[in-house]
Every structure is written in structure tokens, then in C-alpha cells.
C-alpha atoms as a PDB file:
ATOM      1  CA  MET A   1    -215.211 -79.289  24.796  1.00  0.00           C
ATOM      2  CA  THR A   2    -212.568 -78.171  22.309  1.00  0.00           C
ATOM      3  CA  THR A   3    -213.101 -75.902  19.327  1.00  0.00           C
ATOM      4  CA  SER A   4    -212.069 -76.554  15.730  1.00  0.00           C
ATOM      5  CA  THR A   5    -209.000 -74.246  15.794  1.00  0.00           C
ATOM      6  CA  PRO A   6    -205.950 -76.374  16.637  1.00  0.00           C
ATOM      7  CA  VAL A   7    -202.966 -74.732  18.292  1.00  0.00           C
ATOM      8  CA  ALA A   8    -199.363 -75.925  18.540  1.00  0.00           C
ATOM      9  CA  TRP A   9    -197.115 -75.007  21.461  1.00  0.00           C
ATOM     10  CA  VAL A  10    -193.339 -75.408  21.180  1.00  0.00           C
ATOM     11  CA  GLY A  11    -191.431 -75.190  24.471  1.00  0.00           C
ATOM     12  CA  LEU A  12    -193.261 -76.457  27.556  1.00  0.00           C
ATOM     13  CA  GLY A  13    -191.085 -74.946  30.276  1.00  0.00           C
ATOM     14  CA  LYS A  14    -191.989 -73.010  33.428  1.00  0.00           C
ATOM     15  CA  LEU A  15    -193.924 -70.420  31.434  1.00  0.00           C
ATOM     16  CA  GLY A  16    -194.785 -72.351  28.293  1.00  0.00           C
ATOM     17  CA  LEU A  17    -196.651 -75.183  30.010  1.00  0.00           C
ATOM     18  CA  PRO A  18    -199.026 -73.057  32.101  1.00  0.00           C
ATOM     19  CA  MET A  19    -199.702 -70.780  29.121  1.00  0.00           C
ATOM     20  CA  ALA A  20    -200.559 -73.776  26.942  1.00  0.00           C
ATOM     21  CA  ARG A  21    -202.658 -75.238  29.757  1.00  0.00           C
ATOM     22  CA  ARG A  22    -204.717 -72.041  29.867  1.00  0.00           C
ATOM     23  CA  ILE A  23    -205.486 -72.402  26.155  1.00  0.00           C
ATOM     24  CA  VAL A  24    -206.675 -75.966  26.719  1.00  0.00           C
ATOM     25  CA  ALA A  25    -208.859 -74.779  29.596  1.00  0.00           C
ATOM     26  CA  GLY A  26    -210.319 -72.192  27.215  1.00  0.00           C
ATOM     27  CA  GLY A  27    -211.557 -74.935  24.925  1.00  0.00           C
ATOM     28  CA  LEU A  28    -208.912 -75.097  22.181  1.00  0.00           C
ATOM     29  CA  ALA A  29    -207.062 -78.245  21.175  1.00  0.00           C
ATOM     30  CA  VAL A  30    -203.311 -77.923  21.788  1.00  0.00           C
ATOM     31  CA  SER A  31    -200.496 -80.163  20.604  1.00  0.00           C
ATOM     32  CA  GLY A  32    -197.199 -79.643  22.400  1.00  0.00           C
ATOM     33  CA  PHE A  33    -193.529 -80.202  21.621  1.00  0.00           C
ATOM     34  CA  ASP A  34    -190.565 -80.155  23.988  1.00  0.00           C
ATOM     35  CA  LEU A  35    -187.149 -81.805  24.056  1.00  0.00           C
ATOM     36  CA  SER A  36    -187.808 -83.073  27.596  1.00  0.00           C
ATOM     37  CA  ASP A  37    -189.791 -86.280  28.095  1.00  0.00           C
ATOM     38  CA  GLU A  38    -190.644 -85.072  31.595  1.00  0.00           C
ATOM     39  CA  ARG A  39    -192.234 -81.874  30.277  1.00  0.00           C
ATOM     40  CA  LEU A  40    -194.151 -83.862  27.645  1.00  0.00           C
ATOM     41  CA  ALA A  41    -195.518 -86.105  30.403  1.00  0.00           C
ATOM     42  CA  LEU A  42    -196.654 -83.039  32.339  1.00  0.00           C
ATOM     43  CA  ALA A  43    -198.232 -81.704  29.164  1.00  0.00           C
ATOM     44  CA  ARG A  44    -200.301 -84.853  28.769  1.00  0.00           C
ATOM     45  CA  GLU A  45    -201.536 -84.484  32.349  1.00  0.00           C
ATOM     46  CA  ALA A  46    -202.590 -80.916  31.478  1.00  0.00           C
ATOM     47  CA  GLY A  47    -204.721 -82.038  28.540  1.00  0.00           C
ATOM     48  CA  ILE A  48    -202.132 -81.118  25.903  1.00  0.00           C
ATOM     49  CA  GLU A  49    -201.474 -83.693  23.207  1.00  0.00           C
ATOM     50  CA  PRO A  50    -197.704 -84.344  23.494  1.00  0.00           C
ATOM     51  CA  ARG A  51    -195.701 -84.792  20.313  1.00  0.00           C
ATOM     52  CA  ALA A  52    -192.125 -86.056  20.230  1.00  0.00           C
ATOM     53  CA  ASP A  53    -191.724 -84.874  16.633  1.00  0.00           C
ATOM     54  CA  LEU A  54    -191.759 -81.160  15.817  1.00  0.00           C
ATOM     55  CA  GLY A  55    -193.378 -81.640  12.424  1.00  0.00           C
ATOM     56  CA  GLU A  56    -196.219 -83.680  13.909  1.00  0.00           C
ATOM     57  CA  ALA A  57    -196.766 -81.053  16.590  1.00  0.00           C
ATOM     58  CA  VAL A  58    -197.362 -78.207  14.127  1.00  0.00           C
ATOM     59  CA  GLU A  59    -199.089 -80.147  11.364  1.00  0.00           C
ATOM     60  CA  GLY A  60    -202.509 -78.701  10.631  1.00  0.00           C
ATOM     61  CA  CYS A  61    -202.097 -75.889  13.196  1.00  0.00           C
ATOM     62  CA  PRO A  62    -202.683 -72.355  11.878  1.00  0.00           C
ATOM     63  CA  LEU A  63    -201.357 -70.911  15.179  1.00  0.00           C
ATOM     64  CA  VAL A  64    -197.941 -71.940  16.501  1.00  0.00           C
ATOM     65  CA  PHE A  65    -196.734 -70.518  19.824  1.00  0.00           C
ATOM     66  CA  VAL A  66    -193.103 -70.662  20.960  1.00  0.00           C
ATOM     67  CA  SER A  67    -191.675 -70.282  24.487  1.00  0.00           C
ATOM     68  CA  ILE A  68    -187.948 -71.012  24.763  1.00  0.00           C
ATOM     69  CA  PRO A  69    -184.982 -69.764  26.832  1.00  0.00           C
ATOM     70  CA  ASP A  70    -182.776 -67.591  24.642  1.00  0.00           C
ATOM     71  CA  ASP A  71    -181.306 -66.520  21.302  1.00  0.00           C
ATOM     72  CA  ARG A  72    -179.401 -69.754  20.817  1.00  0.00           C
ATOM     73  CA  ALA A  73    -182.540 -71.845  21.279  1.00  0.00           C
ATOM     74  CA  LEU A  74    -184.580 -69.644  18.938  1.00  0.00           C
ATOM     75  CA  THR A  75    -181.877 -69.776  16.278  1.00  0.00           C
ATOM     76  CA  ALA A  76    -181.651 -73.569  16.521  1.00  0.00           C
ATOM     77  CA  LEU A  77    -185.426 -73.919  16.421  1.00  0.00           C
ATOM     78  CA  CYS A  78    -186.230 -71.559  13.556  1.00  0.00           C
ATOM     79  CA  LEU A  79    -183.138 -70.886  11.483  1.00  0.00           C
ATOM     80  CA  THR A  80    -181.593 -74.302  10.935  1.00  0.00           C
ATOM     81  CA  GLU A  81    -182.323 -76.834   8.213  1.00  0.00           C
ATOM     82  CA  GLY A  82    -185.446 -78.833   9.032  1.00  0.00           C
ATOM     83  CA  GLY A  83    -186.427 -76.373  11.740  1.00  0.00           C
ATOM     84  CA  LEU A  84    -189.784 -74.989  12.763  1.00  0.00           C
ATOM     85  CA  LEU A  85    -190.298 -72.552   9.898  1.00  0.00           C
ATOM     86  CA  GLU A  86    -189.767 -75.319   7.367  1.00  0.00           C
ATOM     87  CA  ARG A  87    -192.391 -77.430   9.158  1.00  0.00           C
ATOM     88  CA  MET A  88    -195.049 -74.696   9.323  1.00  0.00           C
ATOM     89  CA  ALA A  89    -197.563 -74.155   6.536  1.00  0.00           C
ATOM     90  CA  SER A  90    -197.615 -71.010   4.446  1.00  0.00           C
ATOM     91  CA  GLY A  91    -200.344 -68.713   5.749  1.00  0.00           C
ATOM     92  CA  SER A  92    -199.945 -69.814   9.375  1.00  0.00           C
ATOM     93  CA  VAL A  93    -198.971 -67.542  12.270  1.00  0.00           C
ATOM     94  CA  LEU A  94    -195.865 -67.892  14.446  1.00  0.00           C
ATOM     95  CA  ILE A  95    -196.335 -66.276  17.872  1.00  0.00           C
ATOM     96  CA  GLU A  96    -192.972 -66.073  19.684  1.00  0.00           C
ATOM     97  CA  THR A  97    -193.337 -65.300  23.422  1.00  0.00           C
ATOM     98  CA  SER A  98    -189.723 -65.440  24.635  1.00  0.00           C
ATOM     99  CA  THR A  99    -187.281 -62.707  25.665  1.00  0.00           C
ATOM    100  CA  VAL A 100    -184.710 -62.614  22.867  1.00  0.00           C
ATOM    101  CA  SER A 101    -182.566 -60.068  21.061  1.00  0.00           C
ATOM    102  CA  VAL A 102    -183.803 -57.693  18.413  1.00  0.00           C
ATOM    103  CA  GLU A 103    -181.177 -59.044  15.998  1.00  0.00           C
ATOM    104  CA  VAL A 104    -182.198 -62.703  16.174  1.00  0.00           C
ATOM    105  CA  SER A 105    -185.878 -61.779  16.122  1.00  0.00           C
ATOM    106  CA  ALA A 106    -185.337 -59.780  12.928  1.00  0.00           C
ATOM    107  CA  ARG A 107    -183.650 -62.780  11.315  1.00  0.00           C
ATOM    108  CA  VAL A 108    -186.625 -64.959  12.214  1.00  0.00           C
ATOM    109  CA  ALA A 109    -188.972 -62.329  10.768  1.00  0.00           C
ATOM    110  CA  GLU A 110    -187.097 -62.353   7.467  1.00  0.00           C
ATOM    111  CA  ALA A 111    -187.076 -66.156   7.265  1.00  0.00           C
ATOM    112  CA  ALA A 112    -190.772 -66.349   8.158  1.00  0.00           C
ATOM    113  CA  ALA A 113    -191.700 -63.811   5.479  1.00  0.00           C
ATOM    114  CA  GLU A 114    -189.841 -65.849   2.851  1.00  0.00           C
ATOM    115  CA  ARG A 115    -192.097 -68.801   3.665  1.00  0.00           C
ATOM    116  CA  GLY A 116    -195.338 -66.814   3.782  1.00  0.00           C
ATOM    117  CA  ILE A 117    -195.646 -67.124   7.574  1.00  0.00           C
ATOM    118  CA  ALA A 118    -196.942 -64.210   9.644  1.00  0.00           C
ATOM    119  CA  TYR A 119    -194.610 -63.533  12.581  1.00  0.00           C
ATOM    120  CA  LEU A 120    -195.750 -61.980  15.845  1.00  0.00           C
ATOM    121  CA  ARG A 121    -193.153 -60.908  18.374  1.00  0.00           C
ATOM    122  CA  CYS A 122    -195.130 -61.490  21.564  1.00  0.00           C
ATOM    123  CA  PRO A 123    -192.932 -61.443  24.694  1.00  0.00           C
ATOM    124  CA  VAL A 124    -194.921 -61.605  27.917  1.00  0.00           C
ATOM    125  CA  SER A 125    -194.478 -59.829  31.227  1.00  0.00           C
ATOM    126  CA  GLY A 126    -195.105 -61.882  34.352  1.00  0.00           C
ATOM    127  CA  ASN A 127    -194.079 -65.105  36.049  1.00  0.00           C
ATOM    128  CA  PRO A 128    -195.346 -68.695  36.248  1.00  0.00           C
ATOM    129  CA  VAL A 129    -197.934 -67.695  38.870  1.00  0.00           C
ATOM    130  CA  ALA A 130    -199.358 -65.083  36.504  1.00  0.00           C
ATOM    131  CA  ALA A 131    -199.239 -67.610  33.658  1.00  0.00           C
ATOM    132  CA  GLU A 132    -201.280 -70.052  35.732  1.00  0.00           C
ATOM    133  CA  ALA A 133    -203.796 -67.313  36.503  1.00  0.00           C
ATOM    134  CA  GLY A 134    -203.981 -66.046  32.922  1.00  0.00           C
ATOM    135  CA  THR A 135    -202.854 -62.555  33.948  1.00  0.00           C
ATOM    136  CA  LEU A 136    -199.717 -62.082  31.859  1.00  0.00           C
ATOM    137  CA  SER A 137    -199.337 -58.940  29.760  1.00  0.00           C
ATOM    138  CA  ALA A 138    -198.336 -59.372  26.123  1.00  0.00           C
ATOM    139  CA  MET A 139    -196.266 -56.860  24.169  1.00  0.00           C
ATOM    140  CA  VAL A 140    -196.962 -57.521  20.508  1.00  0.00           C
ATOM    141  CA  SER A 141    -195.522 -56.314  17.224  1.00  0.00           C
ATOM    142  CA  GLY A 142    -195.938 -57.646  13.737  1.00  0.00           C
ATOM    143  CA  PRO A 143    -198.917 -57.765  11.366  1.00  0.00           C
ATOM    144  CA  ARG A 144    -202.038 -56.434  13.097  1.00  0.00           C
ATOM    145  CA  GLU A 145    -204.189 -58.913  11.191  1.00  0.00           C
ATOM    146  CA  ALA A 146    -202.095 -61.783  12.563  1.00  0.00           C
ATOM    147  CA  LEU A 147    -202.746 -60.540  16.089  1.00  0.00           C
ATOM    148  CA  GLU A 148    -206.483 -60.702  15.426  1.00  0.00           C
ATOM    149  CA  ARG A 149    -206.071 -64.286  14.273  1.00  0.00           C
ATOM    150  CA  ALA A 150    -204.060 -65.185  17.383  1.00  0.00           C
ATOM    151  CA  MET A 151    -206.428 -63.539  19.872  1.00  0.00           C
ATOM    152  CA  PRO A 152    -208.762 -66.545  20.383  1.00  0.00           C
ATOM    153  CA  ALA A 153    -205.794 -68.366  21.945  1.00  0.00           C
ATOM    154  CA  LEU A 154    -203.804 -65.412  23.283  1.00  0.00           C
ATOM    155  CA  ARG A 155    -206.633 -64.044  25.408  1.00  0.00           C
ATOM    156  CA  HIS A 156    -206.712 -67.202  27.530  1.00  0.00           C
ATOM    157  CA  PHE A 157    -203.322 -66.589  29.162  1.00  0.00           C
ATOM    158  CA  THR A 158    -203.026 -62.784  28.999  1.00  0.00           C
ATOM    159  CA  LYS A 159    -205.002 -60.036  30.699  1.00  0.00           C
ATOM    160  CA  ALA A 160    -203.809 -57.368  28.238  1.00  0.00           C
ATOM    161  CA  GLN A 161    -202.319 -57.286  24.755  1.00  0.00           C
ATOM    162  CA  TYR A 162    -200.413 -54.178  23.650  1.00  0.00           C
ATOM    163  CA  TRP A 163    -199.891 -53.943  19.898  1.00  0.00           C
ATOM    164  CA  LEU A 164    -196.892 -51.652  19.392  1.00  0.00           C
ATOM    165  CA  GLY A 165    -196.153 -51.688  15.679  1.00  0.00           C
ATOM    166  CA  GLU A 166    -195.240 -53.780  12.644  1.00  0.00           C
ATOM    167  CA  ASP A 167    -191.587 -54.568  13.366  1.00  0.00           C
ATOM    168  CA  GLU A 168    -189.405 -55.223  16.444  1.00  0.00           C
ATOM    169  CA  GLN A 169    -191.127 -52.786  18.827  1.00  0.00           C
ATOM    170  CA  ALA A 170    -192.240 -55.571  21.177  1.00  0.00           C
ATOM    171  CA  ARG A 171    -188.638 -56.694  21.652  1.00  0.00           C
ATOM    172  CA  PHE A 172    -187.558 -53.192  22.639  1.00  0.00           C
ATOM    173  CA  ALA A 173    -190.550 -52.902  24.982  1.00  0.00           C
ATOM    174  CA  LYS A 174    -189.837 -56.166  26.801  1.00  0.00           C
ATOM    175  CA  LEU A 175    -186.182 -55.286  27.312  1.00  0.00           C
ATOM    176  CA  ALA A 176    -187.161 -51.830  28.567  1.00  0.00           C
ATOM    177  CA  ILE A 177    -189.593 -53.341  31.099  1.00  0.00           C
ATOM    178  CA  ASN A 178    -187.009 -55.865  32.300  1.00  0.00           C
ATOM    179  CA  LEU A 179    -184.468 -53.072  32.714  1.00  0.00           C
ATOM    180  CA  MET A 180    -186.895 -51.311  35.046  1.00  0.00           C
ATOM    181  CA  ILE A 181    -187.438 -54.540  37.003  1.00  0.00           C
ATOM    182  CA  ALA A 182    -183.696 -55.133  37.393  1.00  0.00           C
ATOM    183  CA  VAL A 183    -183.032 -51.576  38.538  1.00  0.00           C
ATOM    184  CA  SER A 184    -185.998 -51.760  40.929  1.00  0.00           C
ATOM    185  CA  ALA A 185    -184.526 -54.910  42.451  1.00  0.00           C
ATOM    186  CA  GLY A 186    -181.199 -53.143  42.986  1.00  0.00           C
ATOM    187  CA  MET A 187    -182.938 -50.115  44.450  1.00  0.00           C
ATOM    188  CA  LEU A 188    -184.926 -52.322  46.829  1.00  0.00           C
ATOM    189  CA  GLY A 189    -181.770 -54.076  48.010  1.00  0.00           C
ATOM    190  CA  GLU A 190    -180.059 -50.794  48.857  1.00  0.00           C
ATOM    191  CA  ALA A 191    -183.165 -49.287  50.478  1.00  0.00           C
ATOM    192  CA  LEU A 192    -183.868 -52.278  52.728  1.00  0.00           C
ATOM    193  CA  THR A 193    -180.217 -52.532  53.727  1.00  0.00           C
ATOM    194  CA  LEU A 194    -180.129 -48.843  54.602  1.00  0.00           C
ATOM    195  CA  ALA A 195    -183.272 -49.285  56.700  1.00  0.00           C
ATOM    196  CA  ARG A 196    -181.718 -52.218  58.574  1.00  0.00           C
ATOM    197  CA  LYS A 197    -178.654 -50.120  59.286  1.00  0.00           C
ATOM    198  CA  GLY A 198    -181.016 -47.497  60.691  1.00  0.00           C
ATOM    199  CA  ASN A 199    -182.426 -50.087  63.123  1.00  0.00           C
ATOM    200  CA  ILE A 200    -185.860 -50.203  61.465  1.00  0.00           C
ATOM    201  CA  GLY A 201    -187.755 -53.455  61.921  1.00  0.00           C
ATOM    202  CA  TRP A 202    -187.750 -55.698  58.866  1.00  0.00           C
ATOM    203  CA  ASP A 203    -191.518 -56.223  58.720  1.00  0.00           C
ATOM    204  CA  ALA A 204    -192.208 -52.563  59.453  1.00  0.00           C
ATOM    205  CA  MET A 205    -189.986 -51.395  56.595  1.00  0.00           C
ATOM    206  CA  LEU A 206    -191.493 -53.903  54.159  1.00  0.00           C
ATOM    207  CA  GLU A 207    -194.965 -52.715  55.039  1.00  0.00           C
ATOM    208  CA  LEU A 208    -193.888 -49.111  54.550  1.00  0.00           C
ATOM    209  CA  VAL A 209    -192.234 -49.851  51.203  1.00  0.00           C
ATOM    210  CA  GLY A 210    -195.295 -51.687  49.902  1.00  0.00           C
ATOM    211  CA  ASP A 211    -197.510 -48.772  50.959  1.00  0.00           C
ATOM    212  CA  SER A 212    -195.228 -46.012  49.694  1.00  0.00           C
ATOM    213  CA  ALA A 213    -195.089 -44.017  46.476  1.00  0.00           C
ATOM    214  CA  VAL A 214    -192.616 -46.589  45.090  1.00  0.00           C
ATOM    215  CA  GLY A 215    -194.787 -49.581  46.026  1.00  0.00           C
ATOM    216  CA  SER A 216    -195.191 -50.744  42.430  1.00  0.00           C
ATOM    217  CA  PRO A 217    -196.945 -54.052  41.611  1.00  0.00           C
ATOM    218  CA  MET A 218    -193.485 -55.634  41.322  1.00  0.00           C
ATOM    219  CA  VAL A 219    -192.464 -54.395  44.778  1.00  0.00           C
ATOM    220  CA  GLN A 220    -195.770 -55.410  46.329  1.00  0.00           C
ATOM    221  CA  TYR A 221    -195.477 -58.887  44.781  1.00  0.00           C
ATOM    222  CA  LYS A 222    -192.046 -59.324  46.348  1.00  0.00           C
ATOM    223  CA  VAL A 223    -192.976 -58.128  49.852  1.00  0.00           C
ATOM    224  CA  PRO A 224    -194.458 -61.479  51.060  1.00  0.00           C
ATOM    225  CA  PRO A 225    -191.437 -63.634  50.104  1.00  0.00           C
ATOM    226  CA  LEU A 226    -189.068 -60.965  51.456  1.00  0.00           C
ATOM    227  CA  ARG A 227    -190.972 -60.989  54.743  1.00  0.00           C
ATOM    228  CA  ASP A 228    -190.138 -64.710  54.997  1.00  0.00           C
ATOM    229  CA  ARG A 229    -186.609 -64.214  53.608  1.00  0.00           C
ATOM    230  CA  ASP A 230    -187.618 -66.597  50.834  1.00  0.00           C
ATOM    231  CA  PHE A 231    -185.396 -66.234  47.762  1.00  0.00           C
ATOM    232  CA  THR A 232    -186.802 -69.244  45.900  1.00  0.00           C
ATOM    233  CA  SER A 233    -186.726 -68.337  42.242  1.00  0.00           C
ATOM    234  CA  THR A 234    -189.676 -67.334  40.119  1.00  0.00           C
ATOM    235  CA  PHE A 235    -187.151 -65.668  37.776  1.00  0.00           C
ATOM    236  CA  SER A 236    -183.552 -66.302  38.684  1.00  0.00           C
ATOM    237  CA  ALA A 237    -180.541 -64.015  39.047  1.00  0.00           C
ATOM    238  CA  ALA A 238    -178.924 -65.944  36.165  1.00  0.00           C
ATOM    239  CA  GLN A 239    -181.952 -65.315  33.963  1.00  0.00           C
ATOM    240  CA  MET A 240    -181.881 -61.625  34.813  1.00  0.00           C
ATOM    241  CA  ALA A 241    -178.178 -61.500  33.941  1.00  0.00           C
ATOM    242  CA  LYS A 242    -179.014 -63.013  30.552  1.00  0.00           C
ATOM    243  CA  ASP A 243    -181.687 -60.392  29.978  1.00  0.00           C
ATOM    244  CA  LEU A 244    -179.333 -57.603  31.019  1.00  0.00           C
ATOM    245  CA  ASP A 245    -176.856 -58.812  28.407  1.00  0.00           C
ATOM    246  CA  LEU A 246    -179.655 -58.456  25.847  1.00  0.00           C
ATOM    247  CA  ILE A 247    -180.577 -55.033  27.240  1.00  0.00           C
ATOM    248  CA  LEU A 248    -177.002 -53.767  27.044  1.00  0.00           C
ATOM    249  CA  GLY A 249    -176.578 -55.085  23.525  1.00  0.00           C
ATOM    250  CA  CYS A 250    -179.827 -53.443  22.462  1.00  0.00           C
ATOM    251  CA  ALA A 251    -178.945 -50.157  24.174  1.00  0.00           C
ATOM    252  CA  HIS A 252    -175.474 -50.012  22.653  1.00  0.00           C
ATOM    253  CA  GLY A 253    -176.869 -50.803  19.201  1.00  0.00           C
ATOM    254  CA  ALA A 254    -179.442 -48.037  19.549  1.00  0.00           C
ATOM    255  CA  GLY A 255    -176.953 -45.514  20.925  1.00  0.00           C
ATOM    256  CA  VAL A 256    -178.571 -45.391  24.368  1.00  0.00           C
ATOM    257  CA  HIS A 257    -176.481 -44.556  27.437  1.00  0.00           C
ATOM    258  CA  ALA A 258    -177.379 -47.266  29.992  1.00  0.00           C
ATOM    259  CA  PRO A 259    -175.130 -47.086  33.083  1.00  0.00           C
ATOM    260  CA  LEU A 260    -177.821 -48.498  35.393  1.00  0.00           C
ATOM    261  CA  ALA A 261    -178.132 -51.579  33.201  1.00  0.00           C
ATOM    262  CA  ALA A 262    -174.359 -52.054  33.320  1.00  0.00           C
ATOM    263  CA  GLN A 263    -174.277 -51.647  37.097  1.00  0.00           C
ATOM    264  CA  MET A 264    -177.049 -54.193  37.606  1.00  0.00           C
ATOM    265  CA  ARG A 265    -175.334 -56.649  35.242  1.00  0.00           C
ATOM    266  CA  GLU A 266    -172.270 -56.483  37.499  1.00  0.00           C
ATOM    267  CA  ALA A 267    -174.446 -57.076  40.574  1.00  0.00           C
ATOM    268  CA  TYR A 268    -176.062 -60.148  39.058  1.00  0.00           C
ATOM    269  CA  GLY A 269    -172.672 -61.361  37.883  1.00  0.00           C
ATOM    270  CA  ALA A 270    -171.497 -61.184  41.491  1.00  0.00           C
ATOM    271  CA  LEU A 271    -174.534 -63.164  42.649  1.00  0.00           C
ATOM    272  CA  ILE A 272    -173.772 -65.866  40.092  1.00  0.00           C
ATOM    273  CA  ALA A 273    -170.065 -65.942  41.027  1.00  0.00           C
ATOM    274  CA  THR A 274    -170.907 -66.409  44.722  1.00  0.00           C
ATOM    275  CA  GLY A 275    -173.226 -69.350  44.101  1.00  0.00           C
ATOM    276  CA  HIS A 276    -176.540 -67.498  44.097  1.00  0.00           C
ATOM    277  CA  GLY A 277    -177.331 -67.573  40.392  1.00  0.00           C
ATOM    278  CA  GLU A 278    -180.398 -69.752  40.934  1.00  0.00           C
ATOM    279  CA  ASP A 279    -181.795 -67.523  43.680  1.00  0.00           C
ATOM    280  CA  ASP A 280    -184.649 -65.240  42.725  1.00  0.00           C
ATOM    281  CA  TYR A 281    -183.631 -61.982  41.061  1.00  0.00           C
ATOM    282  CA  ILE A 282    -184.647 -60.166  44.243  1.00  0.00           C
ATOM    283  CA  ALA A 283    -181.567 -61.733  45.853  1.00  0.00           C
ATOM    284  CA  THR A 284    -180.054 -58.288  45.281  1.00  0.00           C
ATOM    285  CA  VAL A 285    -181.387 -57.739  48.815  1.00  0.00           C
ATOM    286  CA  HIS A 286    -179.221 -60.304  50.574  1.00  0.00           C
ATOM    287  CA  HIS A 287    -176.327 -59.480  48.242  1.00  0.00           C
ATOM    288  CA  THR A 288    -176.335 -55.821  49.331  1.00  0.00           C
ATOM    289  CA  GLU A 289    -176.775 -56.837  52.973  1.00  0.00           C
ATOM    290  CA  ARG A 290    -173.694 -59.063  52.850  1.00  0.00           C
ATOM    291  CA  LEU A 291    -171.630 -56.334  51.203  1.00  0.00           C
ATOM    292  CA  SER A 292    -172.764 -54.018  54.012  1.00  0.00           C
ATOM    293  CA  GLY A 293    -171.777 -56.407  56.798  1.00  0.00           C
ATOM    294  CA  LEU A 294    -175.269 -57.533  57.782  1.00  0.00           C
ATOM    295  CA  PRO A 295    -176.209 -61.160  58.543  1.00  0.00           C
ATOM    296  CA  ASP A 296    -178.766 -63.050  56.455  1.00  0.00           C
ATOM    297  CA  THR A 297    -181.045 -63.475  59.461  1.00  0.00           C
ATOM    298  CA  VAL A 298    -182.932 -60.355  60.445  1.00  0.00           C
ATOM    299  CA  PRO A 299    -183.362 -59.632  64.165  1.00  0.00           C
ATOM    300  CA  VAL A 300    -186.498 -58.765  66.053  1.00  0.00           C
ATOM    301  CA  ALA A 301    -187.828 -55.299  65.171  1.00  0.00           C
ATOM    302  CA  GLY A 302    -185.763 -52.461  66.519  1.00  0.00           C
ATOM    303  CA  THR A 303    -182.776 -54.553  67.660  1.00  0.00           C
ATOM    304  CA  GLU A 304    -180.431 -54.423  64.659  1.00  0.00           C
ATOM    305  CA  GLY A 305    -176.821 -54.317  65.700  1.00  0.00           C
END
């Protein structure tokens, strides 16, 4: 049974669709918009009311969520004539969940304020599996009162919501977290390659890493696919490269020395150039192995050549 608070969701991709589905499962009515007919069909199967017209999707919805790929998409959606902000009602709340630059986000904030729309920067940390489970973490900045209004929907797909301030703090926080993930992926690639060179069994080293002082949730999450040498993407090397571009731009603008970010951007650039851009971002492992002269297939424990 749905409640009387209608929600609009714009962008029904790998993260957007499961997040919107969680809201439906929580009892709220959701209308969805996407440029892809295939994603709209999947939305209908999930109990979301698909809308082919953006204006129809947001009409009568006091809460409008957005999940889209990048700065260009957000600019086209919000800052062009006839775009989302012009379709939303004054007094409504825009909750933007994507990973985008501070600069474009600030432009959206200014345009939203001119139309009397409350704007929440609400990037999420997690992957489609976490979105399906409702265990994403949300970094939020913007009007605190708007966050309270968004919570009846937001709580259905997030396990935690961190309000960080009134302005672009959430954008800085998401880029900082993704920097740590990228550097951790590079660190893991070098560590596992070094262990292979030392003739340590693959499974034994993965177990040790997951159990060690550096066995963060991110590392532990990646141990099972690494055990199977499965580099199927939950978040691709190309996507991480895009985020590192944002990170470097943000760091340079803020006067932050970020050599690790630059080094990891080069590593992901190399993965893309060698045809591995759609591999998972943890493909830093097989990238470092190849550079070190190791084969993709790991031998039986204790028999590395």
C-alpha cells in the first residue's frame, strides 16, 4: 500500500533503479523518468510508474531524486531551457545523488534557489548490490530542513545519512571517499602482486589480507571476486577514471597536493588504453601483475614461478 507522498526519480540506471525500487517497497508512490525505453520497462516491472516526459514525471511530486552519470548529464538536465528545474514546483526538494563536480553542483544550487527549490547534494557510497539491499551511505549537504523532508524516502535505500553542512560539503566528502577507494585498489594490486612474487598462495594471501589491519569493508568486499579472478564490473575502471578527474580538479581548485590521485589516474588511464576500461576498478590487480611479468592465471598455492 502506497502513502500519499509522491516521489519522482530521474535517472533509472544501475544505481537509480534499485534505489527507486526500495522506495516503492517502502510504500511510497514513485514516478520515474529515463531516456532509455529499456530502463523504463524495467521500472514498470519494479512497481515504478514510468514516464516518457520529464514534466509529467515530476508533476505533483514534492521530492525529486536524480541519479545520472556525470557533470555533462547534470548540466543538460538542470541548467538548460525546459530542463528539470523549470519543471519542478517552487517549494519542492531536489535530491541529487550522483558523483559530480563541486563547480557544476554550485551552479545547480544557484539555479534552484532562484526558483525557490531546496537543493540537497546527496551523493551515495556503495554499489548496486548495496542499493538493492538498502545499505548505501548518503553524504548530504544543503538545507537541514530539506533533509528532514526527504528522509521518509531516503531512509528506504540508505543505512546512514551524514549531514555535513549547508553548501557543497557532500561533494567534497564523496570525492574524498572515492580517492581513498582508488588508492586502496592500487595498494591492493601492488600488495597481491608482491605476495605472488614471494610464492605465497593466492587464496592464502587473500584470506590474510581480509583478516589483517588493512582489511577494510572495501577490501573484504573484493576478496570473494578476487578469489575467483572475477573482474566483472560493479564500478568500472572507466568510471573510476572519471571520478579521479573530478578529484584532481577539486584538489587543484582547493590547493591540495594530491600525487596519489594523479598516480591512480594514470593507472586507470592505462587500463582503459589496454582495453580494460569496463573491468571492475579492482582490475588494478591484474594490471600490476601484467606489468610485473605475472600471468593472469594464478597457480596452485606455493608453486608460483
